[in-house]
Amino acid sequence: MRAVVQRVSKASVSVAGEIVGAIERGVVVLVGVAHGDTQEQAEWLARKIAGLRIFEDSAGKINAGLLDVDGAALIISQFTLYADVRKGRRPSFINAAQPEAAEPLIEHFAQAMQKHGVPVESGVFGAHMLVEIHNDGPVTIILER
């Protein structure tokens, strides 16, 4: 699994002109699933993101995590994180898991985040989504497991 984690002041996701998920302070997590990814990987990723110290503490140092700042997560499935562009100009997505394998892992990841105490909002799997991100910092972290 791959995730791009962006610290945000606020973010939302819309499908067909309607907001389906929105958060204030927290993180947007763009998450992709590859062939053979497991629930164990989803749980590791959730644990890692829930504990990432990427927010400023009271002393102004980047030393606080999501729970410390009462942050939330907006989770967006994104198979394009597994794009292969080594040949030609058209990306290949052969490394991305098929929807029937990816969707349950994305849902498991979201549930694991909630088990760590992080409020979660999500996009709609497989839908064309418009994501509004107010990247704070900017702080962007790439994780893979």
C-alpha atoms as a PDB file:
ATOM      1  CA  MET A   1       0.000   0.000   0.000  1.00  0.00           C
ATOM      2  CA  ARG A   2       1.088   3.541  -0.721  1.00  0.00           C
ATOM      3  CA  ALA A   3      -0.125   6.705   0.892  1.00  0.00           C
ATOM      4  CA  VAL A   4       0.478  10.371   0.318  1.00  0.00           C
ATOM      5  CA  VAL A   5      -0.287  12.205   3.555  1.00  0.00           C
ATOM      6  CA  GLN A   6      -0.839  15.953   3.429  1.00  0.00           C
ATOM      7  CA  ARG A   7      -1.265  18.105   6.508  1.00  0.00           C
ATOM      8  CA  VAL A   8      -4.261  20.364   5.914  1.00  0.00           C
ATOM      9  CA  SER A   9      -6.062  23.262   7.525  1.00  0.00           C
ATOM     10  CA  LYS A  10      -9.230  21.958   5.841  1.00  0.00           C
ATOM     11  CA  ALA A  11     -10.226  19.668   2.984  1.00  0.00           C
ATOM     12  CA  SER A  12     -13.289  18.298   1.257  1.00  0.00           C
ATOM     13  CA  VAL A  13     -14.259  15.844  -1.446  1.00  0.00           C
ATOM     14  CA  SER A  14     -17.209  16.170  -3.813  1.00  0.00           C
ATOM     15  CA  VAL A  15     -18.910  13.705  -6.133  1.00  0.00           C
ATOM     16  CA  ALA A  16     -21.351  14.957  -8.773  1.00  0.00           C
ATOM     17  CA  GLY A  17     -21.356  18.407  -7.195  1.00  0.00           C
ATOM     18  CA  GLU A  18     -22.171  17.219  -3.663  1.00  0.00           C
ATOM     19  CA  ILE A  19     -19.721  17.224  -0.756  1.00  0.00           C
ATOM     20  CA  VAL A  20     -19.410  13.641   0.497  1.00  0.00           C
ATOM     21  CA  GLY A  21     -16.637  14.222   3.039  1.00  0.00           C
ATOM     22  CA  ALA A  22     -15.032  17.214   4.740  1.00  0.00           C
ATOM     23  CA  ILE A  23     -12.614  17.880   7.581  1.00  0.00           C
ATOM     24  CA  GLU A  24     -11.039  20.849   9.267  1.00  0.00           C
ATOM     25  CA  ARG A  25      -7.509  20.478  10.682  1.00  0.00           C
ATOM     26  CA  GLY A  26      -5.948  17.116   9.973  1.00  0.00           C
ATOM     27  CA  VAL A  27      -4.628  15.095   7.068  1.00  0.00           C
ATOM     28  CA  VAL A  28      -5.729  14.111   3.616  1.00  0.00           C
ATOM     29  CA  VAL A  29      -4.603  10.569   2.873  1.00  0.00           C
ATOM     30  CA  LEU A  30      -4.437   9.561  -0.782  1.00  0.00           C
ATOM     31  CA  VAL A  31      -4.136   5.781  -0.603  1.00  0.00           C
ATOM     32  CA  GLY A  32      -3.420   3.206  -3.285  1.00  0.00           C
ATOM     33  CA  VAL A  33      -3.553  -0.575  -3.123  1.00  0.00           C
ATOM     34  CA  ALA A  34      -1.310  -2.941  -5.096  1.00  0.00           C
ATOM     35  CA  HIS A  35      -1.730  -6.620  -5.927  1.00  0.00           C
ATOM     36  CA  GLY A  36      -1.105  -8.743  -2.861  1.00  0.00           C
ATOM     37  CA  ASP A  37      -1.553  -5.987  -0.277  1.00  0.00           C
ATOM     38  CA  THR A  38      -2.978  -7.203   3.027  1.00  0.00           C
ATOM     39  CA  GLN A  39      -5.041  -6.095   6.007  1.00  0.00           C
ATOM     40  CA  GLU A  40      -1.824  -6.176   8.049  1.00  0.00           C
ATOM     41  CA  GLN A  41      -0.350  -3.527   5.738  1.00  0.00           C
ATOM     42  CA  ALA A  42      -3.508  -1.412   6.040  1.00  0.00           C
ATOM     43  CA  GLU A  43      -3.308  -1.630   9.834  1.00  0.00           C
ATOM     44  CA  TRP A  44       0.388  -0.697   9.833  1.00  0.00           C
ATOM     45  CA  LEU A  45      -0.330   2.296   7.610  1.00  0.00           C
ATOM     46  CA  ALA A  46      -3.206   3.441   9.847  1.00  0.00           C
ATOM     47  CA  ARG A  47      -1.070   3.091  12.991  1.00  0.00           C
ATOM     48  CA  LYS A  48       1.794   5.010  11.368  1.00  0.00           C
ATOM     49  CA  ILE A  49      -0.393   7.861  10.115  1.00  0.00           C
ATOM     50  CA  ALA A  50      -2.340   8.148  13.378  1.00  0.00           C
ATOM     51  CA  GLY A  51       0.956   8.581  15.221  1.00  0.00           C
ATOM     52  CA  LEU A  52       2.833  10.812  12.770  1.00  0.00           C
ATOM     53  CA  ARG A  53       4.110  13.882  14.567  1.00  0.00           C
ATOM     54  CA  ILE A  54       3.624  16.430  11.777  1.00  0.00           C
ATOM     55  CA  PHE A  55       1.766  19.189  13.636  1.00  0.00           C
ATOM     56  CA  GLU A  56       3.171  22.046  15.670  1.00  0.00           C
ATOM     57  CA  ASP A  57       3.028  21.744  19.436  1.00  0.00           C
ATOM     58  CA  SER A  58       2.522  24.663  21.855  1.00  0.00           C
ATOM     59  CA  ALA A  59       6.220  25.549  21.479  1.00  0.00           C
ATOM     60  CA  GLY A  60       5.900  25.798  17.700  1.00  0.00           C
ATOM     61  CA  LYS A  61       7.882  22.619  17.034  1.00  0.00           C
ATOM     62  CA  ILE A  62       6.630  19.883  14.725  1.00  0.00           C
ATOM     63  CA  ASN A  63       6.138  17.421  17.527  1.00  0.00           C
ATOM     64  CA  ALA A  64       2.376  16.735  17.747  1.00  0.00           C
ATOM     65  CA  GLY A  65       0.248  14.030  16.161  1.00  0.00           C
ATOM     66  CA  LEU A  66      -3.321  13.951  14.866  1.00  0.00           C
ATOM     67  CA  LEU A  67      -4.809  13.051  18.232  1.00  0.00           C
ATOM     68  CA  ASP A  68      -2.813  15.788  19.981  1.00  0.00           C
ATOM     69  CA  VAL A  69      -4.415  18.449  17.782  1.00  0.00           C
ATOM     70  CA  ASP A  70      -7.898  16.891  17.604  1.00  0.00           C
ATOM     71  CA  GLY A  71      -7.298  16.324  13.895  1.00  0.00           C
ATOM     72  CA  ALA A  72      -9.254  14.210  11.436  1.00  0.00           C
ATOM     73  CA  ALA A  73      -8.434  12.261   8.283  1.00  0.00           C
ATOM     74  CA  LEU A  74      -9.997  12.561   4.846  1.00  0.00           C
ATOM     75  CA  ILE A  75      -9.263   9.297   3.027  1.00  0.00           C
ATOM     76  CA  ILE A  76      -9.297   9.236  -0.758  1.00  0.00           C
ATOM     77  CA  SER A  77      -8.726   6.031  -2.731  1.00  0.00           C
ATOM     78  CA  GLN A  78      -6.277   6.662  -5.550  1.00  0.00           C
ATOM     79  CA  PHE A  79      -5.166   3.796  -7.768  1.00  0.00           C
ATOM     80  CA  THR A  80      -3.038   6.238  -9.785  1.00  0.00           C
ATOM     81  CA  LEU A  81      -0.430   6.095  -7.012  1.00  0.00           C
ATOM     82  CA  TYR A  82       0.643   2.857  -8.715  1.00  0.00           C
ATOM     83  CA  ALA A  83       1.060   4.420 -12.155  1.00  0.00           C
ATOM     84  CA  ASP A  84       4.088   3.159 -14.102  1.00  0.00           C
ATOM     85  CA  VAL A  85       5.411   5.743 -16.545  1.00  0.00           C
ATOM     86  CA  ARG A  86       8.799   4.235 -17.340  1.00  0.00           C
ATOM     87  CA  LYS A  87       7.779   3.487 -20.935  1.00  0.00           C
ATOM     88  CA  GLY A  88       6.004   5.873 -23.252  1.00  0.00           C
ATOM     89  CA  ARG A  89       3.755   8.708 -22.202  1.00  0.00           C
ATOM     90  CA  ARG A  90       0.618   6.833 -21.166  1.00  0.00           C
ATOM     91  CA  PRO A  91       0.696   5.547 -17.578  1.00  0.00           C
ATOM     92  CA  SER A  92       0.171   1.856 -16.971  1.00  0.00           C
ATOM     93  CA  PHE A  93      -1.829   0.902 -13.897  1.00  0.00           C
ATOM     94  CA  ILE A  94      -1.050  -2.807 -14.058  1.00  0.00           C
ATOM     95  CA  ASN A  95       0.438  -2.719 -10.531  1.00  0.00           C
ATOM     96  CA  ALA A  96      -2.756  -1.364  -8.960  1.00  0.00           C
ATOM     97  CA  ALA A  97      -5.073  -3.916  -7.367  1.00  0.00           C
ATOM     98  CA  GLN A  98      -8.417  -4.617  -9.007  1.00  0.00           C
ATOM     99  CA  PRO A  99     -11.373  -2.783  -7.422  1.00  0.00           C
ATOM    100  CA  GLU A 100     -12.786  -5.932  -5.800  1.00  0.00           C
ATOM    101  CA  ALA A 101      -9.502  -6.360  -3.877  1.00  0.00           C
ATOM    102  CA  ALA A 102      -8.711  -2.678  -3.307  1.00  0.00           C
ATOM    103  CA  GLU A 103     -12.048  -1.419  -1.998  1.00  0.00           C
ATOM    104  CA  PRO A 104     -12.195  -3.723   1.061  1.00  0.00           C
ATOM    105  CA  LEU A 105      -8.602  -2.803   1.974  1.00  0.00           C
ATOM    106  CA  ILE A 106      -9.333   0.909   1.724  1.00  0.00           C
ATOM    107  CA  GLU A 107     -12.349   0.383   3.988  1.00  0.00           C
ATOM    108  CA  HIS A 108     -10.253  -1.697   6.409  1.00  0.00           C
ATOM    109  CA  PHE A 109      -7.660   1.096   6.474  1.00  0.00           C
ATOM    110  CA  ALA A 110     -10.367   3.677   7.289  1.00  0.00           C
ATOM    111  CA  GLN A 111     -11.737   1.485  10.090  1.00  0.00           C
ATOM    112  CA  ALA A 112      -8.217   0.990  11.483  1.00  0.00           C
ATOM    113  CA  MET A 113      -7.732   4.772  11.558  1.00  0.00           C
ATOM    114  CA  GLN A 114     -10.980   5.090  13.507  1.00  0.00           C
ATOM    115  CA  LYS A 115      -9.832   2.399  15.958  1.00  0.00           C
ATOM    116  CA  HIS A 116      -6.824   4.603  16.680  1.00  0.00           C
ATOM    117  CA  GLY A 117      -9.234   7.379  17.646  1.00  0.00           C
ATOM    118  CA  VAL A 118      -8.973   9.427  14.449  1.00  0.00           C
ATOM    119  CA  PRO A 119     -12.253  10.811  13.064  1.00  0.00           C
ATOM    120  CA  VAL A 120     -12.488   9.743   9.418  1.00  0.00           C
ATOM    121  CA  GLU A 121     -14.272  11.083   6.366  1.00  0.00           C
ATOM    122  CA  SER A 122     -13.927   9.409   2.965  1.00  0.00           C
ATOM    123  CA  GLY A 123     -14.455   9.862  -0.710  1.00  0.00           C
ATOM    124  CA  VAL A 124     -16.453   7.410  -2.817  1.00  0.00           C
ATOM    125  CA  PHE A 125     -14.463   4.455  -4.117  1.00  0.00           C
ATOM    126  CA  GLY A 126     -14.277   4.400  -7.899  1.00  0.00           C
ATOM    127  CA  ALA A 127     -16.085   7.713  -8.347  1.00  0.00           C
ATOM    128  CA  HIS A 128     -14.790  10.767 -10.147  1.00  0.00           C
ATOM    129  CA  MET A 129     -13.996  13.026  -7.194  1.00  0.00           C
ATOM    130  CA  LEU A 130     -13.062  16.666  -6.835  1.00  0.00           C
ATOM    131  CA  VAL A 131     -10.773  17.055  -3.842  1.00  0.00           C
ATOM    132  CA  GLU A 132     -10.174  20.461  -2.308  1.00  0.00           C
ATOM    133  CA  ILE A 133      -7.027  20.477  -0.202  1.00  0.00           C
ATOM    134  CA  HIS A 134      -5.736  23.397   1.844  1.00  0.00           C
ATOM    135  CA  ASN A 135      -2.217  22.018   2.329  1.00  0.00           C
ATOM    136  CA  ASP A 136      -0.782  23.433   5.546  1.00  0.00           C
ATOM    137  CA  GLY A 137       2.924  24.123   5.516  1.00  0.00           C
ATOM    138  CA  PRO A 138       3.019  22.488   3.052  1.00  0.00           C
ATOM    139  CA  VAL A 139       3.733  19.194   4.754  1.00  0.00           C
ATOM    140  CA  THR A 140       3.530  16.119   2.523  1.00  0.00           C
ATOM    141  CA  ILE A 141       4.758  12.649   3.515  1.00  0.00           C
ATOM    142  CA  ILE A 142       4.883   9.534   1.324  1.00  0.00           C
ATOM    143  CA  LEU A 143       4.517   6.165   3.054  1.00  0.00           C
ATOM    144  CA  GLU A 144       4.714   2.668   1.639  1.00  0.00           C
ATOM    145  CA  ARG A 145       4.351  -0.708   3.255  1.00  0.00           C
END
